[in-house]
Amino acid sequence: MYIADSINFDFPENQRGNKKDLAIFEQNLWLHDTEIRYLIDFKQGRWHLSMLYISIHNPLKLLCHYLDHYDSQKKAELYAQIFQRGIRKDARGTLKLNENAYNICYN
């Protein structure tokens, strides 16, 4: 296995980590119970794909993660469906968000 010479492996020993280094593990706990949806936007001639992680317990808690951009809308939708099936915890899609959870009144 070849390792590039430009990679620096000199790390100071006995250095304390920061609390923010473990933030990804705290987020990981609530990401287990999320519904995965995708958002496709047309910007500057490209179709941009973002994945939305929406908590099923608190629908106001969500995370948007930008993935990539594509040439056509059909290609973006195909990749979105593939990513959605691969990312979500439940393969059958049984974790669903309550659509009335936002309780928006337009009066």
C-alpha atoms as a PDB file:
ATOM      1  CA  MET A   1       0.000   0.000   0.000  1.00  0.00           C
ATOM      2  CA  TYR A   2       1.396   3.399  -1.002  1.00  0.00           C
ATOM      3  CA  ILE A   3       1.036   6.389   1.318  1.00  0.00           C
ATOM      4  CA  ALA A   4       1.817   9.807  -0.095  1.00  0.00           C
ATOM      5  CA  ASP A   5       4.798  11.634   1.392  1.00  0.00           C
ATOM      6  CA  SER A   6       2.789  14.855   1.648  1.00  0.00           C
ATOM      7  CA  ILE A   7       0.569  13.449   4.427  1.00  0.00           C
ATOM      8  CA  ASN A   8       1.711  14.656   7.827  1.00  0.00           C
ATOM      9  CA  PHE A   9       1.582  11.956  10.505  1.00  0.00           C
ATOM     10  CA  ASP A  10       3.276  14.015  13.235  1.00  0.00           C
ATOM     11  CA  PHE A  11       0.612  14.453  15.905  1.00  0.00           C
ATOM     12  CA  PRO A  12       1.401  15.801  19.373  1.00  0.00           C
ATOM     13  CA  GLU A  13       0.906  13.160  22.034  1.00  0.00           C
ATOM     14  CA  ASN A  14      -1.206  13.610  25.144  1.00  0.00           C
ATOM     15  CA  GLN A  15      -3.337  16.336  23.616  1.00  0.00           C
ATOM     16  CA  ARG A  16      -6.889  16.752  24.900  1.00  0.00           C
ATOM     17  CA  GLY A  17      -9.678  16.685  22.376  1.00  0.00           C
ATOM     18  CA  ASN A  18     -12.474  19.226  22.191  1.00  0.00           C
ATOM     19  CA  LYS A  19     -16.127  18.575  22.971  1.00  0.00           C
ATOM     20  CA  LYS A  20     -16.994  19.447  19.361  1.00  0.00           C
ATOM     21  CA  ASP A  21     -14.994  16.404  18.225  1.00  0.00           C
ATOM     22  CA  LEU A  22     -17.717  14.167  19.688  1.00  0.00           C
ATOM     23  CA  ALA A  23     -20.654  16.172  18.320  1.00  0.00           C
ATOM     24  CA  ILE A  24     -21.108  13.770  15.415  1.00  0.00           C
ATOM     25  CA  PHE A  25     -21.884  10.953  17.876  1.00  0.00           C
ATOM     26  CA  GLU A  26     -24.525  13.050  19.633  1.00  0.00           C
ATOM     27  CA  GLN A  27     -26.190  13.811  16.312  1.00  0.00           C
ATOM     28  CA  ASN A  28     -25.962  10.177  15.323  1.00  0.00           C
ATOM     29  CA  LEU A  29     -28.362   9.182  18.107  1.00  0.00           C
ATOM     30  CA  TRP A  30     -31.348  11.140  16.784  1.00  0.00           C
ATOM     31  CA  LEU A  31     -30.491  10.389  13.149  1.00  0.00           C
ATOM     32  CA  HIS A  32     -31.476   6.743  13.727  1.00  0.00           C
ATOM     33  CA  ASP A  33     -35.168   7.663  13.964  1.00  0.00           C
ATOM     34  CA  THR A  34     -35.513   9.903  10.939  1.00  0.00           C
ATOM     35  CA  GLU A  35     -37.401   9.879   7.703  1.00  0.00           C
ATOM     36  CA  ILE A  36     -35.175  10.513   4.709  1.00  0.00           C
ATOM     37  CA  ARG A  37     -36.472  12.762   1.950  1.00  0.00           C
ATOM     38  CA  TYR A  38     -34.736  14.427  -0.939  1.00  0.00           C
ATOM     39  CA  LEU A  39     -34.831  17.938  -2.334  1.00  0.00           C
ATOM     40  CA  ILE A  40     -33.903  18.724  -5.936  1.00  0.00           C
ATOM     41  CA  ASP A  41     -33.329  22.363  -6.914  1.00  0.00           C
ATOM     42  CA  PHE A  42     -32.562  23.837 -10.321  1.00  0.00           C
ATOM     43  CA  LYS A  43     -29.760  26.418 -10.038  1.00  0.00           C
ATOM     44  CA  GLN A  44     -27.556  27.832 -12.787  1.00  0.00           C
ATOM     45  CA  GLY A  45     -28.426  25.107 -15.295  1.00  0.00           C
ATOM     46  CA  ARG A  46     -27.707  22.199 -12.915  1.00  0.00           C
ATOM     47  CA  TRP A  47     -29.950  20.035 -10.740  1.00  0.00           C
ATOM     48  CA  HIS A  48     -28.715  20.121  -7.126  1.00  0.00           C
ATOM     49  CA  LEU A  49     -29.548  17.190  -4.836  1.00  0.00           C
ATOM     50  CA  SER A  50     -29.875  17.516  -1.055  1.00  0.00           C
ATOM     51  CA  MET A  51     -31.001  14.906   1.446  1.00  0.00           C
ATOM     52  CA  LEU A  52     -33.295  15.887   4.321  1.00  0.00           C
ATOM     53  CA  TYR A  53     -33.178  13.998   7.614  1.00  0.00           C
ATOM     54  CA  ILE A  54     -36.443  14.700   9.494  1.00  0.00           C
ATOM     55  CA  SER A  55     -36.949  13.402  13.030  1.00  0.00           C
ATOM     56  CA  ILE A  56     -40.165  11.410  13.422  1.00  0.00           C
ATOM     57  CA  HIS A  57     -40.441  12.415  17.091  1.00  0.00           C
ATOM     58  CA  ASN A  58     -39.893  16.154  16.557  1.00  0.00           C
ATOM     59  CA  PRO A  59     -40.581  17.232  12.948  1.00  0.00           C
ATOM     60  CA  LEU A  60     -39.061  20.658  13.577  1.00  0.00           C
ATOM     61  CA  LYS A  61     -35.690  18.978  14.050  1.00  0.00           C
ATOM     62  CA  LEU A  62     -34.168  18.350  10.656  1.00  0.00           C
ATOM     63  CA  LEU A  63     -30.814  18.248   8.933  1.00  0.00           C
ATOM     64  CA  CYS A  64     -30.167  19.146   5.308  1.00  0.00           C
ATOM     65  CA  HIS A  65     -27.121  17.586   3.638  1.00  0.00           C
ATOM     66  CA  TYR A  66     -26.051  18.666   0.136  1.00  0.00           C
ATOM     67  CA  LEU A  67     -24.817  15.757  -1.987  1.00  0.00           C
ATOM     68  CA  ASP A  68     -24.095  16.642  -5.619  1.00  0.00           C
ATOM     69  CA  HIS A  69     -25.343  18.296  -8.823  1.00  0.00           C
ATOM     70  CA  TYR A  70     -26.419  16.623 -12.057  1.00  0.00           C
ATOM     71  CA  ASP A  71     -27.044  17.443 -15.733  1.00  0.00           C
ATOM     72  CA  SER A  72     -30.682  16.389 -15.930  1.00  0.00           C
ATOM     73  CA  GLN A  73     -33.643  16.207 -13.597  1.00  0.00           C
ATOM     74  CA  LYS A  74     -34.213  12.534 -14.381  1.00  0.00           C
ATOM     75  CA  LYS A  75     -30.642  11.652 -13.412  1.00  0.00           C
ATOM     76  CA  ALA A  76     -30.929  13.675 -10.185  1.00  0.00           C
ATOM     77  CA  GLU A  77     -34.158  11.884  -9.251  1.00  0.00           C
ATOM     78  CA  LEU A  78     -32.606   8.490  -9.975  1.00  0.00           C
ATOM     79  CA  TYR A  79     -29.618   9.198  -7.735  1.00  0.00           C
ATOM     80  CA  ALA A  80     -31.914  10.657  -5.066  1.00  0.00           C
ATOM     81  CA  GLN A  81     -33.963   7.459  -4.920  1.00  0.00           C
ATOM     82  CA  ILE A  82     -30.824   5.307  -4.780  1.00  0.00           C
ATOM     83  CA  PHE A  83     -29.319   7.416  -1.978  1.00  0.00           C
ATOM     84  CA  GLN A  84     -32.630   7.472  -0.120  1.00  0.00           C
ATOM     85  CA  ARG A  85     -32.887   3.674  -0.094  1.00  0.00           C
ATOM     86  CA  GLY A  86     -29.260   3.308   0.978  1.00  0.00           C
ATOM     87  CA  ILE A  87     -29.314   5.910   3.742  1.00  0.00           C
ATOM     88  CA  ARG A  88     -32.534   5.190   5.569  1.00  0.00           C
ATOM     89  CA  LYS A  89     -32.568   2.854   8.528  1.00  0.00           C
ATOM     90  CA  ASP A  90     -35.692   0.963   7.554  1.00  0.00           C
ATOM     91  CA  ALA A  91     -35.458  -0.615   4.128  1.00  0.00           C
ATOM     92  CA  ARG A  92     -39.234  -0.757   3.703  1.00  0.00           C
ATOM     93  CA  GLY A  93     -39.778   2.909   4.546  1.00  0.00           C
ATOM     94  CA  THR A  94     -42.019   2.322   7.561  1.00  0.00           C
ATOM     95  CA  LEU A  95     -40.728   5.338   9.521  1.00  0.00           C
ATOM     96  CA  LYS A  96     -43.055   8.085   8.330  1.00  0.00           C
ATOM     97  CA  LEU A  97     -43.459  11.674   9.372  1.00  0.00           C
ATOM     98  CA  ASN A  98     -46.872  12.873  10.464  1.00  0.00           C
ATOM     99  CA  GLU A  99     -47.863  15.360   7.749  1.00  0.00           C
ATOM    100  CA  ASN A 100     -50.098  17.298  10.178  1.00  0.00           C
ATOM    101  CA  ALA A 101     -47.329  17.681  12.764  1.00  0.00           C
ATOM    102  CA  TYR A 102     -46.551  21.236  11.687  1.00  0.00           C
ATOM    103  CA  ASN A 103     -50.172  22.306  12.325  1.00  0.00           C
ATOM    104  CA  ILE A 104     -50.057  25.256   9.929  1.00  0.00           C
ATOM    105  CA  CYS A 105     -53.199  27.417   9.898  1.00  0.00           C
ATOM    106  CA  TYR A 106     -53.568  29.655   6.845  1.00  0.00           C
ATOM    107  CA  ASN A 107     -56.393  31.814   8.306  1.00  0.00           C
END
